[in-house]
C-alpha atoms as a PDB file:
ATOM      1  CA  UNK A   1      18.524 199.854 235.891  1.00  0.00           C
ATOM      2  CA  UNK A   2      20.816 198.137 238.398  1.00  0.00           C
ATOM      3  CA  UNK A   3      24.037 199.863 239.394  1.00  0.00           C
ATOM      4  CA  UNK A   4      27.353 198.220 238.743  1.00  0.00           C
ATOM      5  CA  UNK A   5      28.954 197.014 241.970  1.00  0.00           C
ATOM      6  CA  UNK A   6      32.426 198.196 243.039  1.00  0.00           C
ATOM      7  CA  UNK A   7      33.753 194.654 242.573  1.00  0.00           C
ATOM      8  CA  UNK A   8      32.338 194.456 239.054  1.00  0.00           C
ATOM      9  CA  UNK A   9      33.779 197.887 238.251  1.00  0.00           C
ATOM     10  CA  UNK A  10      37.237 196.797 239.428  1.00  0.00           C
ATOM     11  CA  UNK A  11      36.961 193.661 237.307  1.00  0.00           C
ATOM     12  CA  UNK A  12      36.122 195.749 234.232  1.00  0.00           C
ATOM     13  CA  UNK A  13      39.046 198.090 234.891  1.00  0.00           C
ATOM     14  CA  UNK A  14      41.429 195.144 235.314  1.00  0.00           C
ATOM     15  CA  UNK A  15      40.126 193.565 232.113  1.00  0.00           C
ATOM     16  CA  UNK A  16      40.646 196.775 230.129  1.00  0.00           C
ATOM     17  CA  UNK A  17      44.140 197.225 231.596  1.00  0.00           C
ATOM     18  CA  UNK A  18      45.003 193.678 230.620  1.00  0.00           C
ATOM     19  CA  UNK A  19      43.702 194.306 227.091  1.00  0.00           C
ATOM     20  CA  UNK A  20      45.828 197.449 226.728  1.00  0.00           C
ATOM     21  CA  UNK A  21      48.951 195.849 228.223  1.00  0.00           C
ATOM     22  CA  UNK A  22      48.731 192.832 225.945  1.00  0.00           C
ATOM     23  CA  UNK A  23      48.491 195.196 222.978  1.00  0.00           C
ATOM     24  CA  UNK A  24      51.433 197.250 224.287  1.00  0.00           C
ATOM     25  CA  UNK A  25      53.574 194.131 224.677  1.00  0.00           C
ATOM     26  CA  UNK A  26      52.901 193.141 221.055  1.00  0.00           C
ATOM     27  CA  UNK A  27      53.657 196.630 219.735  1.00  0.00           C
ATOM     28  CA  UNK A  28      56.831 197.017 221.820  1.00  0.00           C
ATOM     29  CA  UNK A  29      58.010 193.594 220.619  1.00  0.00           C
ATOM     30  CA  UNK A  30      57.305 194.430 216.965  1.00  0.00           C
ATOM     31  CA  UNK A  31      58.492 198.055 216.800  1.00  0.00           C
ATOM     32  CA  UNK A  32      60.692 198.549 219.849  1.00  0.00           C
ATOM     33  CA  UNK A  33      59.941 200.885 222.737  1.00  0.00           C
ATOM     34  CA  UNK A  34      61.316 204.036 221.077  1.00  0.00           C
ATOM     35  CA  UNK A  35      59.374 203.673 217.806  1.00  0.00           C
ATOM     36  CA  UNK A  36      56.107 202.534 219.376  1.00  0.00           C
ATOM     37  CA  UNK A  37      53.404 205.151 219.938  1.00  0.00           C
ATOM     38  CA  UNK A  38      50.294 205.333 222.082  1.00  0.00           C
ATOM     39  CA  UNK A  39      48.301 205.499 218.834  1.00  0.00           C
ATOM     40  CA  UNK A  40      49.833 202.172 217.706  1.00  0.00           C
ATOM     41  CA  UNK A  41      48.908 200.577 221.010  1.00  0.00           C
ATOM     42  CA  UNK A  42      45.363 201.952 220.913  1.00  0.00           C
ATOM     43  CA  UNK A  43      44.811 200.522 217.415  1.00  0.00           C
ATOM     44  CA  UNK A  44      46.158 197.138 218.495  1.00  0.00           C
ATOM     45  CA  UNK A  45      43.932 197.139 221.596  1.00  0.00           C
ATOM     46  CA  UNK A  46      40.871 198.367 219.692  1.00  0.00           C
ATOM     47  CA  UNK A  47      40.325 201.352 221.986  1.00  0.00           C
ATOM     48  CA  UNK A  48      40.365 205.125 221.609  1.00  0.00           C
ATOM     49  CA  UNK A  49      43.827 206.637 221.995  1.00  0.00           C
ATOM     50  CA  UNK A  50      42.686 209.006 224.730  1.00  0.00           C
ATOM     51  CA  UNK A  51      41.161 206.213 226.794  1.00  0.00           C
ATOM     52  CA  UNK A  52      44.576 204.701 227.435  1.00  0.00           C
ATOM     53  CA  UNK A  53      45.420 207.719 229.596  1.00  0.00           C
ATOM     54  CA  UNK A  54      42.543 206.770 231.899  1.00  0.00           C
ATOM     55  CA  UNK A  55      44.630 203.783 232.980  1.00  0.00           C
ATOM     56  CA  UNK A  56      48.277 204.693 232.330  1.00  0.00           C
ATOM     57  CA  UNK A  57      50.175 207.995 232.539  1.00  0.00           C
ATOM     58  CA  UNK A  58      52.368 207.515 229.472  1.00  0.00           C
ATOM     59  CA  UNK A  59      54.312 205.006 227.393  1.00  0.00           C
ATOM     60  CA  UNK A  60      56.869 204.488 230.154  1.00  0.00           C
ATOM     61  CA  UNK A  61      54.128 203.689 232.651  1.00  0.00           C
ATOM     62  CA  UNK A  62      52.784 201.090 230.221  1.00  0.00           C
ATOM     63  CA  UNK A  63      56.210 199.536 229.925  1.00  0.00           C
ATOM     64  CA  UNK A  64      56.869 199.120 233.629  1.00  0.00           C
ATOM     65  CA  UNK A  65      53.333 197.800 234.182  1.00  0.00           C
ATOM     66  CA  UNK A  66      53.733 194.954 231.696  1.00  0.00           C
ATOM     67  CA  UNK A  67      55.677 192.481 233.892  1.00  0.00           C
ATOM     68  CA  UNK A  68      53.380 192.580 236.875  1.00  0.00           C
ATOM     69  CA  UNK A  69      50.075 192.572 235.005  1.00  0.00           C
ATOM     70  CA  UNK A  70      51.028 189.976 232.391  1.00  0.00           C
ATOM     71  CA  UNK A  71      53.301 187.787 234.512  1.00  0.00           C
ATOM     72  CA  UNK A  72      51.253 188.018 237.700  1.00  0.00           C
ATOM     73  CA  UNK A  73      48.637 185.425 236.600  1.00  0.00           C
ATOM     74  CA  UNK A  74      51.440 183.010 235.697  1.00  0.00           C
ATOM     75  CA  UNK A  75      53.312 183.614 238.941  1.00  0.00           C
ATOM     76  CA  UNK A  76      50.111 183.326 240.967  1.00  0.00           C
ATOM     77  CA  UNK A  77      49.339 179.976 239.331  1.00  0.00           C
ATOM     78  CA  UNK A  78      52.808 178.718 240.257  1.00  0.00           C
ATOM     79  CA  UNK A  79      52.571 180.239 243.747  1.00  0.00           C
ATOM     80  CA  UNK A  80      49.241 178.509 244.371  1.00  0.00           C
ATOM     81  CA  UNK A  81      51.015 175.159 244.040  1.00  0.00           C
ATOM     82  CA  UNK A  82      54.046 176.182 246.063  1.00  0.00           C
ATOM     83  CA  UNK A  83      52.765 175.851 249.678  1.00  0.00           C
ATOM     84  CA  UNK A  84      51.914 172.169 249.277  1.00  0.00           C
ATOM     85  CA  UNK A  85      55.091 171.472 247.333  1.00  0.00           C
ATOM     86  CA  UNK A  86      57.251 173.375 249.801  1.00  0.00           C
ATOM     87  CA  UNK A  87      55.587 171.614 252.726  1.00  0.00           C
ATOM     88  CA  UNK A  88      56.674 168.335 251.179  1.00  0.00           C
ATOM     89  CA  UNK A  89      60.258 169.622 251.009  1.00  0.00           C
ATOM     90  CA  UNK A  90      60.280 171.607 254.273  1.00  0.00           C
ATOM     91  CA  UNK A  91      63.011 169.449 255.797  1.00  0.00           C
ATOM     92  CA  UNK A  92      65.221 169.751 252.734  1.00  0.00           C
ATOM     93  CA  UNK A  93      66.671 173.112 251.647  1.00  0.00           C
ATOM     94  CA  UNK A  94      68.104 171.294 248.620  1.00  0.00           C
ATOM     95  CA  UNK A  95      64.673 170.151 247.437  1.00  0.00           C
ATOM     96  CA  UNK A  96      63.085 173.519 248.236  1.00  0.00           C
ATOM     97  CA  UNK A  97      65.650 175.521 246.249  1.00  0.00           C
ATOM     98  CA  UNK A  98      65.489 173.067 243.358  1.00  0.00           C
ATOM     99  CA  UNK A  99      61.724 173.527 243.261  1.00  0.00           C
ATOM    100  CA  UNK A 100      61.991 177.326 243.314  1.00  0.00           C
ATOM    101  CA  UNK A 101      64.675 177.323 240.602  1.00  0.00           C
ATOM    102  CA  UNK A 102      62.614 175.098 238.308  1.00  0.00           C
ATOM    103  CA  UNK A 103      59.519 177.268 238.712  1.00  0.00           C
ATOM    104  CA  UNK A 104      61.386 180.526 238.081  1.00  0.00           C
ATOM    105  CA  UNK A 105      63.029 178.974 235.012  1.00  0.00           C
ATOM    106  CA  UNK A 106      59.642 177.910 233.648  1.00  0.00           C
ATOM    107  CA  UNK A 107      58.103 181.364 234.149  1.00  0.00           C
ATOM    108  CA  UNK A 108      60.998 183.153 232.418  1.00  0.00           C
ATOM    109  CA  UNK A 109      61.164 180.708 229.501  1.00  0.00           C
ATOM    110  CA  UNK A 110      57.427 180.913 228.852  1.00  0.00           C
ATOM    111  CA  UNK A 111      57.459 184.732 228.962  1.00  0.00           C
ATOM    112  CA  UNK A 112      60.868 185.501 227.474  1.00  0.00           C
ATOM    113  CA  UNK A 113      59.413 188.001 224.989  1.00  0.00           C
ATOM    114  CA  UNK A 114      58.335 190.272 227.867  1.00  0.00           C
ATOM    115  CA  UNK A 115      61.829 190.266 229.330  1.00  0.00           C
ATOM    116  CA  UNK A 116      63.299 191.010 225.881  1.00  0.00           C
ATOM    117  CA  UNK A 117      61.035 194.063 225.599  1.00  0.00           C
ATOM    118  CA  UNK A 118      62.078 195.352 229.005  1.00  0.00           C
ATOM    119  CA  UNK A 119      65.766 194.684 228.466  1.00  0.00           C
ATOM    120  CA  UNK A 120      65.770 196.631 225.191  1.00  0.00           C
ATOM    121  CA  UNK A 121      63.976 199.551 226.844  1.00  0.00           C
ATOM    122  CA  UNK A 122      66.146 199.846 229.969  1.00  0.00           C
ATOM    123  CA  UNK A 123      68.686 202.279 228.426  1.00  0.00           C
ATOM    124  CA  UNK A 124      65.893 204.668 227.405  1.00  0.00           C
ATOM    125  CA  UNK A 125      64.261 204.810 230.840  1.00  0.00           C
ATOM    126  CA  UNK A 126      64.846 207.716 233.174  1.00  0.00           C
ATOM    127  CA  UNK A 127      66.125 206.931 236.667  1.00  0.00           C
ATOM    128  CA  UNK A 128      62.681 206.996 238.313  1.00  0.00           C
ATOM    129  CA  UNK A 129      61.110 204.706 235.702  1.00  0.00           C
ATOM    130  CA  UNK A 130      64.055 202.312 235.839  1.00  0.00           C
ATOM    131  CA  UNK A 131      63.801 202.098 239.629  1.00  0.00           C
ATOM    132  CA  UNK A 132      60.059 201.448 239.433  1.00  0.00           C
ATOM    133  CA  UNK A 133      60.681 198.656 236.926  1.00  0.00           C
ATOM    134  CA  UNK A 134      63.343 197.042 239.098  1.00  0.00           C
ATOM    135  CA  UNK A 135      61.066 197.210 242.126  1.00  0.00           C
ATOM    136  CA  UNK A 136      58.181 195.636 240.187  1.00  0.00           C
ATOM    137  CA  UNK A 137      60.160 192.790 238.629  1.00  0.00           C
ATOM    138  CA  UNK A 138      63.128 192.008 240.847  1.00  0.00           C
ATOM    139  CA  UNK A 139      61.643 192.556 244.288  1.00  0.00           C
ATOM    140  CA  UNK A 140      58.353 190.901 243.365  1.00  0.00           C
ATOM    141  CA  UNK A 141      60.115 187.748 242.160  1.00  0.00           C
ATOM    142  CA  UNK A 142      62.666 187.509 244.966  1.00  0.00           C
ATOM    143  CA  UNK A 143      60.297 188.242 247.849  1.00  0.00           C
ATOM    144  CA  UNK A 144      58.795 184.750 247.899  1.00  0.00           C
ATOM    145  CA  UNK A 145      62.198 183.046 247.958  1.00  0.00           C
ATOM    146  CA  UNK A 146      63.342 185.341 250.757  1.00  0.00           C
ATOM    147  CA  UNK A 147      60.354 184.265 252.869  1.00  0.00           C
ATOM    148  CA  UNK A 148      61.082 180.578 252.253  1.00  0.00           C
ATOM    149  CA  UNK A 149      64.732 181.018 253.229  1.00  0.00           C
ATOM    150  CA  UNK A 150      63.652 182.831 256.390  1.00  0.00           C
ATOM    151  CA  UNK A 151      61.462 179.834 257.290  1.00  0.00           C
ATOM    152  CA  UNK A 152      64.392 177.464 256.674  1.00  0.00           C
ATOM    153  CA  UNK A 153      66.599 179.571 258.936  1.00  0.00           C
ATOM    154  CA  UNK A 154      63.952 179.535 261.662  1.00  0.00           C
ATOM    155  CA  UNK A 155      63.667 175.742 261.431  1.00  0.00           C
ATOM    156  CA  UNK A 156      67.427 175.368 261.836  1.00  0.00           C
ATOM    157  CA  UNK A 157      68.013 173.920 258.375  1.00  0.00           C
ATOM    158  CA  UNK A 158      70.096 176.962 257.416  1.00  0.00           C
ATOM    159  CA  UNK A 159      72.533 179.041 259.448  1.00  0.00           C
ATOM    160  CA  UNK A 160      71.041 181.431 261.984  1.00  0.00           C
ATOM    161  CA  UNK A 161      73.378 184.235 260.882  1.00  0.00           C
ATOM    162  CA  UNK A 162      72.362 183.924 257.215  1.00  0.00           C
ATOM    163  CA  UNK A 163      70.820 187.112 255.807  1.00  0.00           C
ATOM    164  CA  UNK A 164      67.758 185.886 253.846  1.00  0.00           C
ATOM    165  CA  UNK A 165      67.506 189.048 251.718  1.00  0.00           C
ATOM    166  CA  UNK A 166      71.101 188.751 250.530  1.00  0.00           C
ATOM    167  CA  UNK A 167      70.912 184.961 250.191  1.00  0.00           C
ATOM    168  CA  UNK A 168      67.760 185.106 248.036  1.00  0.00           C
ATOM    169  CA  UNK A 169      69.372 187.574 245.633  1.00  0.00           C
ATOM    170  CA  UNK A 170      72.604 185.577 245.565  1.00  0.00           C
ATOM    171  CA  UNK A 171      70.767 182.368 244.695  1.00  0.00           C
ATOM    172  CA  UNK A 172      68.715 183.945 241.897  1.00  0.00           C
ATOM    173  CA  UNK A 173      71.859 185.679 240.655  1.00  0.00           C
ATOM    174  CA  UNK A 174      73.664 182.360 240.341  1.00  0.00           C
ATOM    175  CA  UNK A 175      71.357 180.726 237.832  1.00  0.00           C
ATOM    176  CA  UNK A 176      69.428 183.593 236.219  1.00  0.00           C
ATOM    177  CA  UNK A 177      72.293 184.488 233.811  1.00  0.00           C
ATOM    178  CA  UNK A 178      71.982 181.040 232.225  1.00  0.00           C
ATOM    179  CA  UNK A 179      68.309 181.695 231.424  1.00  0.00           C
ATOM    180  CA  UNK A 180      69.000 185.296 230.397  1.00  0.00           C
ATOM    181  CA  UNK A 181      71.676 184.372 227.848  1.00  0.00           C
ATOM    182  CA  UNK A 182      69.707 181.549 226.230  1.00  0.00           C
ATOM    183  CA  UNK A 183      66.073 182.642 226.444  1.00  0.00           C
ATOM    184  CA  UNK A 184      66.155 186.453 226.583  1.00  0.00           C
ATOM    185  CA  UNK A 185      69.326 187.401 224.686  1.00  0.00           C
ATOM    186  CA  UNK A 186      68.750 184.363 222.425  1.00  0.00           C
ATOM    187  CA  UNK A 187      72.404 183.362 222.128  1.00  0.00           C
ATOM    188  CA  UNK A 188      71.859 180.142 220.204  1.00  0.00           C
ATOM    189  CA  UNK A 189      75.337 178.782 220.927  1.00  0.00           C
ATOM    190  CA  UNK A 190      74.539 178.851 224.657  1.00  0.00           C
ATOM    191  CA  UNK A 191      72.967 175.414 224.955  1.00  0.00           C
ATOM    192  CA  UNK A 192      72.283 174.704 228.619  1.00  0.00           C
ATOM    193  CA  UNK A 193      70.651 171.689 230.200  1.00  0.00           C
ATOM    194  CA  UNK A 194      68.641 173.498 232.870  1.00  0.00           C
ATOM    195  CA  UNK A 195      68.268 170.400 235.045  1.00  0.00           C
ATOM    196  CA  UNK A 196      72.050 170.089 235.096  1.00  0.00           C
ATOM    197  CA  UNK A 197      72.503 173.805 235.816  1.00  0.00           C
ATOM    198  CA  UNK A 198      70.105 173.646 238.767  1.00  0.00           C
ATOM    199  CA  UNK A 199      71.566 170.363 240.051  1.00  0.00           C
ATOM    200  CA  UNK A 200      75.021 171.974 240.030  1.00  0.00           C
ATOM    201  CA  UNK A 201      74.154 175.371 241.487  1.00  0.00           C
ATOM    202  CA  UNK A 202      71.835 174.314 244.333  1.00  0.00           C
ATOM    203  CA  UNK A 203      74.481 172.304 246.243  1.00  0.00           C
ATOM    204  CA  UNK A 204      77.081 174.944 245.345  1.00  0.00           C
ATOM    205  CA  UNK A 205      74.907 177.582 247.034  1.00  0.00           C
ATOM    206  CA  UNK A 206      74.114 175.396 250.042  1.00  0.00           C
ATOM    207  CA  UNK A 207      77.755 174.694 250.878  1.00  0.00           C
ATOM    208  CA  UNK A 208      77.940 178.286 252.021  1.00  0.00           C
ATOM    209  CA  UNK A 209      74.547 178.225 253.757  1.00  0.00           C
ATOM    210  CA  UNK A 210      74.699 174.862 255.509  1.00  0.00           C
ATOM    211  CA  UNK A 211      74.474 174.602 259.287  1.00  0.00           C
ATOM    212  CA  UNK A 212      77.796 174.044 261.107  1.00  0.00           C
ATOM    213  CA  UNK A 213      76.829 170.408 261.716  1.00  0.00           C
ATOM    214  CA  UNK A 214      76.455 169.961 257.979  1.00  0.00           C
ATOM    215  CA  UNK A 215      79.878 171.471 257.393  1.00  0.00           C
ATOM    216  CA  UNK A 216      81.379 169.313 260.186  1.00  0.00           C
ATOM    217  CA  UNK A 217      79.797 166.252 258.628  1.00  0.00           C
ATOM    218  CA  UNK A 218      81.394 167.043 255.300  1.00  0.00           C
ATOM    219  CA  UNK A 219      84.784 167.491 256.997  1.00  0.00           C
ATOM    220  CA  UNK A 220      84.377 164.188 258.816  1.00  0.00           C
ATOM    221  CA  UNK A 221      83.563 162.369 255.597  1.00  0.00           C
ATOM    222  CA  UNK A 222      86.638 163.882 253.984  1.00  0.00           C
ATOM    223  CA  UNK A 223      88.856 162.742 256.889  1.00  0.00           C
ATOM    224  CA  UNK A 224      87.391 159.237 256.761  1.00  0.00           C
ATOM    225  CA  UNK A 225      88.061 159.023 253.043  1.00  0.00           C
ATOM    226  CA  UNK A 226      91.799 159.556 253.574  1.00  0.00           C
END
């Protein structure tokens, strides 16, 4: 009988993890994090309750693993398209940030139920679990934008003294509340045209990140208009 290869074993482990996490997401969404049990998740996944502990330490570990394992395939699919798209907009920070904003918006809207689960569970997490969650979700999402901003700074399109880590978080922080209120918190009165939101916030962000020549050009245009 042939032995299973390490690669095949890893694939089987990943498949089982995905199966358990999908079940956990459904149970957390239906019952809430506090009322959900490992037994509920095992029944939903069609596995023995004890087998879940072969992959995850506890219910909290399941919770913080959901974003990366379930969103990662979506983010990877978007990321696979990004190099070519960003290359086409490499000379335009405006176009690059618009592209990033649209892709982040799409990912959040298509997976809003996962963010609702995590948001409802945040108050029940201990400090260590909460920090692990924030590292998994926030840093994972912002890292790519930070790298793109760094490249724009190096090319001279953005100010040399701009801190890319702070700028990336500031940019995401500008438009993410619009998505959060409408898609995650489900405030139905908050009707936002996302194209308009992005079209407004991108130039608003760039006014503070433009090169001095860009700022001088804006001043010159203002003087000429008088």
